C-alpha atoms as a PDB file:
ATOM      1  CA  MET A   1      66.296  91.321  96.699  1.00  0.00           C
ATOM      2  CA  ILE A   2      67.212  91.715 100.395  1.00  0.00           C
ATOM      3  CA  GLY A   3      67.050  87.931 100.826  1.00  0.00           C
ATOM      4  CA  LEU A   4      69.408  87.375  97.892  1.00  0.00           C
ATOM      5  CA  LEU A   5      71.865  89.952  99.215  1.00  0.00           C
ATOM      6  CA  SER A   6      71.736  88.399 102.700  1.00  0.00           C
ATOM      7  CA  THR A   7      72.481  85.001 101.199  1.00  0.00           C
ATOM      8  CA  THR A   8      75.270  86.536  99.134  1.00  0.00           C
ATOM      9  CA  PHE A   9      76.774  88.062 102.266  1.00  0.00           C
ATOM     10  CA  GLY A  10      76.641  84.697 104.042  1.00  0.00           C
ATOM     11  CA  VAL A  11      78.236  82.873 101.117  1.00  0.00           C
ATOM     12  CA  SER A  12      80.969  85.510 100.883  1.00  0.00           C
ATOM     13  CA  VAL A  13      81.832  85.157 104.592  1.00  0.00           C
ATOM     14  CA  ALA A  14      81.759  81.369 104.314  1.00  0.00           C
ATOM     15  CA  SER A  15      84.008  81.436 101.252  1.00  0.00           C
ATOM     16  CA  ALA A  16      86.443  83.719 103.072  1.00  0.00           C
ATOM     17  CA  LEU A  17      86.691  81.182 105.890  1.00  0.00           C
ATOM     18  CA  LEU A  18      86.535  77.986 103.814  1.00  0.00           C
ATOM     19  CA  PRO A  19      88.413  78.145 100.505  1.00  0.00           C
ATOM     20  CA  LEU A  20      86.400  75.218  99.094  1.00  0.00           C
ATOM     21  CA  ILE A  21      83.395  77.534  98.690  1.00  0.00           C
ATOM     22  CA  SER A  22      83.616  79.695  95.564  1.00  0.00           C
ATOM     23  CA  VAL A  23      81.924  83.055  95.926  1.00  0.00           C
ATOM     24  CA  GLU A  24      83.016  83.817  92.353  1.00  0.00           C
ATOM     25  CA  LEU A  25      80.841  81.017  90.951  1.00  0.00           C
ATOM     26  CA  PHE A  26      77.989  82.051  93.224  1.00  0.00           C
ATOM     27  CA  ALA A  27      78.253  85.684  92.076  1.00  0.00           C
ATOM     28  CA  VAL A  28      78.285  84.816  88.378  1.00  0.00           C
ATOM     29  CA  GLY A  29      75.287  82.523  88.837  1.00  0.00           C
ATOM     30  CA  LEU A  30      73.439  85.224  90.764  1.00  0.00           C
ATOM     31  CA  VAL A  31      74.152  87.895  88.153  1.00  0.00           C
ATOM     32  CA  LEU A  32      72.942  85.595  85.366  1.00  0.00           C
ATOM     33  CA  LYS A  33      69.791  84.678  87.308  1.00  0.00           C
ATOM     34  CA  GLU A  34      69.054  88.166  88.656  1.00  0.00           C
ATOM     35  CA  PRO A  35      70.506  90.708  86.199  1.00  0.00           C
ATOM     36  CA  ASP A  36      68.600  93.578  87.852  1.00  0.00           C
ATOM     37  CA  ILE A  37      70.889  93.632  90.895  1.00  0.00           C
ATOM     38  CA  PRO A  38      73.285  96.574  90.417  1.00  0.00           C
ATOM     39  CA  TRP A  39      76.881  95.397  90.018  1.00  0.00           C
ATOM     40  CA  TRP A  40      78.168  97.802  92.637  1.00  0.00           C
ATOM     41  CA  VAL A  41      75.668  96.608  95.267  1.00  0.00           C
ATOM     42  CA  LEU A  42      76.702  93.011  94.680  1.00  0.00           C
ATOM     43  CA  ALA A  43      80.400  93.958  94.806  1.00  0.00           C
ATOM     44  CA  LEU A  44      79.845  95.938  98.030  1.00  0.00           C
ATOM     45  CA  VAL A  45      78.070  93.044  99.756  1.00  0.00           C
ATOM     46  CA  ILE A  46      80.625  90.450  98.677  1.00  0.00           C
ATOM     47  CA  ALA A  47      83.635  92.627  99.516  1.00  0.00           C
ATOM     48  CA  THR A  48      82.218  93.349 102.968  1.00  0.00           C
ATOM     49  CA  GLY A  49      81.602  89.662 103.660  1.00  0.00           C
ATOM     50  CA  GLN A  50      85.001  88.641 102.323  1.00  0.00           C
ATOM     51  CA  ILE A  51      86.873  91.184 104.441  1.00  0.00           C
ATOM     52  CA  GLY A  52      84.815  90.213 107.492  1.00  0.00           C
ATOM     53  CA  GLY A  53      85.787  86.586 107.048  1.00  0.00           C
ATOM     54  CA  LYS A  54      89.426  87.307 106.266  1.00  0.00           C
ATOM     55  CA  LEU A  55      89.594  89.581 109.300  1.00  0.00           C
ATOM     56  CA  LEU A  56      89.079  86.501 111.472  1.00  0.00           C
ATOM     57  CA  HIS A  57      92.120  84.889 109.828  1.00  0.00           C
ATOM     58  CA  PHE A  58      94.056  88.155 110.231  1.00  0.00           C
ATOM     59  CA  TYR A  59      93.289  88.422 113.957  1.00  0.00           C
ATOM     60  CA  ALA A  60      93.935  84.715 114.558  1.00  0.00           C
ATOM     61  CA  ALA A  61      97.381  85.001 112.960  1.00  0.00           C
ATOM     62  CA  ARG A  62      98.048  88.097 115.027  1.00  0.00           C
ATOM     63  CA  GLY A  63      97.194  86.176 118.186  1.00  0.00           C
ATOM     64  CA  ASN A  64      94.124  88.232 119.104  1.00  0.00           C
ATOM     65  CA  ILE A  65      91.768  85.276 118.617  1.00  0.00           C
ATOM     66  CA  ARG A  66      92.560  82.070 120.489  1.00  0.00           C
ATOM     67  CA  LEU A  67      92.182  79.080 118.217  1.00  0.00           C
ATOM     68  CA  PRO A  68      90.779  75.757 119.447  1.00  0.00           C
ATOM     69  CA  ALA A  69      93.388  73.310 120.728  1.00  0.00           C
ATOM     70  CA  PHE A  70      93.257  71.075 117.647  1.00  0.00           C
ATOM     71  CA  MET A  71      94.193  74.057 115.445  1.00  0.00           C
ATOM     72  CA  ARG A  72      97.095  75.258 117.566  1.00  0.00           C
ATOM     73  CA  ARG A  73     100.638  74.188 116.998  1.00  0.00           C
ATOM     74  CA  GLU A  74     102.453  72.374 119.777  1.00  0.00           C
ATOM     75  CA  LYS A  75     105.512  74.157 121.123  1.00  0.00           C
ATOM     76  CA  GLU A  76     108.652  72.529 119.817  1.00  0.00           C
ATOM     77  CA  GLU A  77     111.216  71.525 122.382  1.00  0.00           C
ATOM     78  CA  LYS A  78     114.078  71.407 119.915  1.00  0.00           C
ATOM     79  CA  PRO A  79     115.565  74.675 118.701  1.00  0.00           C
ATOM     80  CA  ALA A  80     113.883  75.828 115.521  1.00  0.00           C
ATOM     81  CA  THR A  81     116.046  75.876 112.441  1.00  0.00           C
ATOM     82  CA  LYS A  82     115.814  78.842 110.160  1.00  0.00           C
ATOM     83  CA  GLY A  83     114.732  77.440 106.817  1.00  0.00           C
ATOM     84  CA  ARG A  84     114.057  79.239 103.575  1.00  0.00           C
ATOM     85  CA  TRP A  85     110.323  79.666 104.293  1.00  0.00           C
ATOM     86  CA  LYS A  86     110.935  81.063 107.780  1.00  0.00           C
ATOM     87  CA  SER A  87     113.572  83.448 106.405  1.00  0.00           C
ATOM     88  CA  TRP A  88     111.117  84.641 103.747  1.00  0.00           C
ATOM     89  CA  LEU A  89     108.416  85.226 106.367  1.00  0.00           C
ATOM     90  CA  GLU A  90     110.822  87.179 108.564  1.00  0.00           C
ATOM     91  CA  GLN A  91     111.839  89.310 105.565  1.00  0.00           C
ATOM     92  CA  PHE A  92     108.166  89.890 104.711  1.00  0.00           C
ATOM     93  CA  ARG A  93     107.467  90.978 108.282  1.00  0.00           C
ATOM     94  CA  GLU A  94     110.408  93.392 108.190  1.00  0.00           C
ATOM     95  CA  ASN A  95     109.301  94.804 104.814  1.00  0.00           C
ATOM     96  CA  CYS A  96     105.791  95.358 106.182  1.00  0.00           C
ATOM     97  CA  ARG A  97     107.206  97.208 109.172  1.00  0.00           C
ATOM     98  CA  THR A  98     109.676  99.403 107.288  1.00  0.00           C
ATOM     99  CA  ARG A  99     107.816  99.847 103.988  1.00  0.00           C
ATOM    100  CA  PRO A 100     104.094 100.384 104.671  1.00  0.00           C
ATOM    101  CA  VAL A 101     103.354 101.441 101.071  1.00  0.00           C
ATOM    102  CA  TRP A 102     104.881  98.186  99.848  1.00  0.00           C
ATOM    103  CA  ALA A 103     102.741  96.213 102.331  1.00  0.00           C
ATOM    104  CA  GLY A 104      99.593  98.028 101.188  1.00  0.00           C
ATOM    105  CA  THR A 105     100.440  97.400  97.539  1.00  0.00           C
ATOM    106  CA  VAL A 106     100.942  93.676  98.130  1.00  0.00           C
ATOM    107  CA  LEU A 107      97.622  93.510  99.989  1.00  0.00           C
ATOM    108  CA  LEU A 108      95.795  95.470  97.286  1.00  0.00           C
ATOM    109  CA  ILE A 109      97.131  93.342  94.431  1.00  0.00           C
ATOM    110  CA  SER A 110      96.432  90.135  96.314  1.00  0.00           C
ATOM    111  CA  ALA A 111      92.888  91.224  97.202  1.00  0.00           C
ATOM    112  CA  ALA A 112      92.114  92.192  93.608  1.00  0.00           C
ATOM    113  CA  ALA A 113      93.885  89.440  91.685  1.00  0.00           C
ATOM    114  CA  SER A 114      94.292  86.713  94.338  1.00  0.00           C
ATOM    115  CA  LEU A 115      97.930  86.402  93.321  1.00  0.00           C
ATOM    116  CA  PRO A 116      99.376  85.587  95.777  1.00  0.00           C
ATOM    117  CA  PRO A 117      96.216  84.039  97.264  1.00  0.00           C
ATOM    118  CA  PHE A 118      94.465  86.557  99.477  1.00  0.00           C
ATOM    119  CA  ALA A 119      93.677  83.878 102.081  1.00  0.00           C
ATOM    120  CA  ALA A 120      97.394  83.306 102.643  1.00  0.00           C
ATOM    121  CA  VAL A 121      98.252  87.002 102.482  1.00  0.00           C
ATOM    122  CA  ALA A 122      95.575  87.809 105.093  1.00  0.00           C
ATOM    123  CA  ILE A 123      97.144  85.316 107.500  1.00  0.00           C
ATOM    124  CA  ILE A 124     100.692  86.476 106.812  1.00  0.00           C
ATOM    125  CA  ALA A 125      99.637  90.135 107.143  1.00  0.00           C
ATOM    126  CA  GLY A 126      98.172  89.413 110.563  1.00  0.00           C
ATOM    127  CA  TRP A 127     101.320  87.589 111.628  1.00  0.00           C
ATOM    128  CA  ALA A 128     103.469  90.439 110.250  1.00  0.00           C
ATOM    129  CA  LYS A 129     101.480  92.959 112.327  1.00  0.00           C
ATOM    130  CA  VAL A 130     100.311  94.996 109.331  1.00  0.00           C
ATOM    131  CA  PRO A 131      98.080  97.790 110.700  1.00  0.00           C
ATOM    132  CA  VAL A 132      94.405  96.802 110.744  1.00  0.00           C
ATOM    133  CA  SER A 133      93.488  99.991 108.864  1.00  0.00           C
ATOM    134  CA  THR A 134      95.882  99.100 106.036  1.00  0.00           C
ATOM    135  CA  PHE A 135      94.463  95.582 105.844  1.00  0.00           C
ATOM    136  CA  LEU A 136      90.842  96.785 105.870  1.00  0.00           C
ATOM    137  CA  ILE A 137      91.238  99.614 103.358  1.00  0.00           C
ATOM    138  CA  THR A 138      93.442  97.879 100.812  1.00  0.00           C
ATOM    139  CA  GLY A 139      91.659  94.552 101.201  1.00  0.00           C
ATOM    140  CA  PHE A 140      88.221  96.112 100.772  1.00  0.00           C
ATOM    141  CA  ILE A 141      89.239  98.181  97.740  1.00  0.00           C
ATOM    142  CA  GLY A 142      90.857  95.169  96.091  1.00  0.00           C
ATOM    143  CA  ARG A 143      87.932  92.853  96.819  1.00  0.00           C
ATOM    144  CA  PHE A 144      85.414  95.495  95.649  1.00  0.00           C
ATOM    145  CA  ALA A 145      87.327  95.897  92.384  1.00  0.00           C
ATOM    146  CA  ARG A 146      87.575  92.126  91.894  1.00  0.00           C
ATOM    147  CA  PHE A 147      83.900  91.438  92.470  1.00  0.00           C
ATOM    148  CA  GLY A 148      82.776  94.624  90.728  1.00  0.00           C
ATOM    149  CA  VAL A 149      84.452  93.450  87.528  1.00  0.00           C
ATOM    150  CA  LEU A 150      83.038  89.963  88.022  1.00  0.00           C
ATOM    151  CA  ALA A 151      79.499  91.257  88.620  1.00  0.00           C
ATOM    152  CA  ALA A 152      79.613  93.657  85.677  1.00  0.00           C
ATOM    153  CA  ALA A 153      81.210  91.177  83.245  1.00  0.00           C
ATOM    154  CA  PRO A 154      78.072  89.332  82.056  1.00  0.00           C
ATOM    155  CA  ALA A 155      76.247  92.584  81.220  1.00  0.00           C
ATOM    156  CA  ALA A 156      79.352  94.022  79.593  1.00  0.00           C
ATOM    157  CA  MET A 157      79.800  90.899  77.482  1.00  0.00           C
ATOM    158  CA  ALA A 158      76.130  90.913  76.453  1.00  0.00           C
ATOM    159  CA  ALA A 159      76.337  94.588  75.439  1.00  0.00           C
ATOM    160  CA  TRP A 160      79.601  94.046  73.594  1.00  0.00           C
ATOM    161  CA  LEU A 161      78.339  91.063  71.608  1.00  0.00           C
END
């Protein structure tokens, strides 16, 4: 069981870093293959791996992790225009600063439902300087809830039918 949980942790970190990897599909397959793994253990391992991976995105957006040159944006010489997207990001940053409960709620909903996508919200939260504790707590709770429901669903469906 330790080997399966280690693999699950690795897949969850990888899926947090590379959106093409689906930890949801992996988790459902694992639960169907190994129904003896407690749902909460699986949810705990996946949530921990997901938050660990997303934390790298969070810190990179914050500027604490230096990205390789090919991933960095070149400095523009022309004055930047303030488009709709940039205005929205600035408003989001201001809301995060002045309304911490709002920021935590957005993070929690995104982590649990992935609407808006948690990968994007993790990056924007880092850029908006959301406190690390808020990101970790709300992100972990949301991810644990998401994957707890996913891990418990096959057994619940089997018992219900």
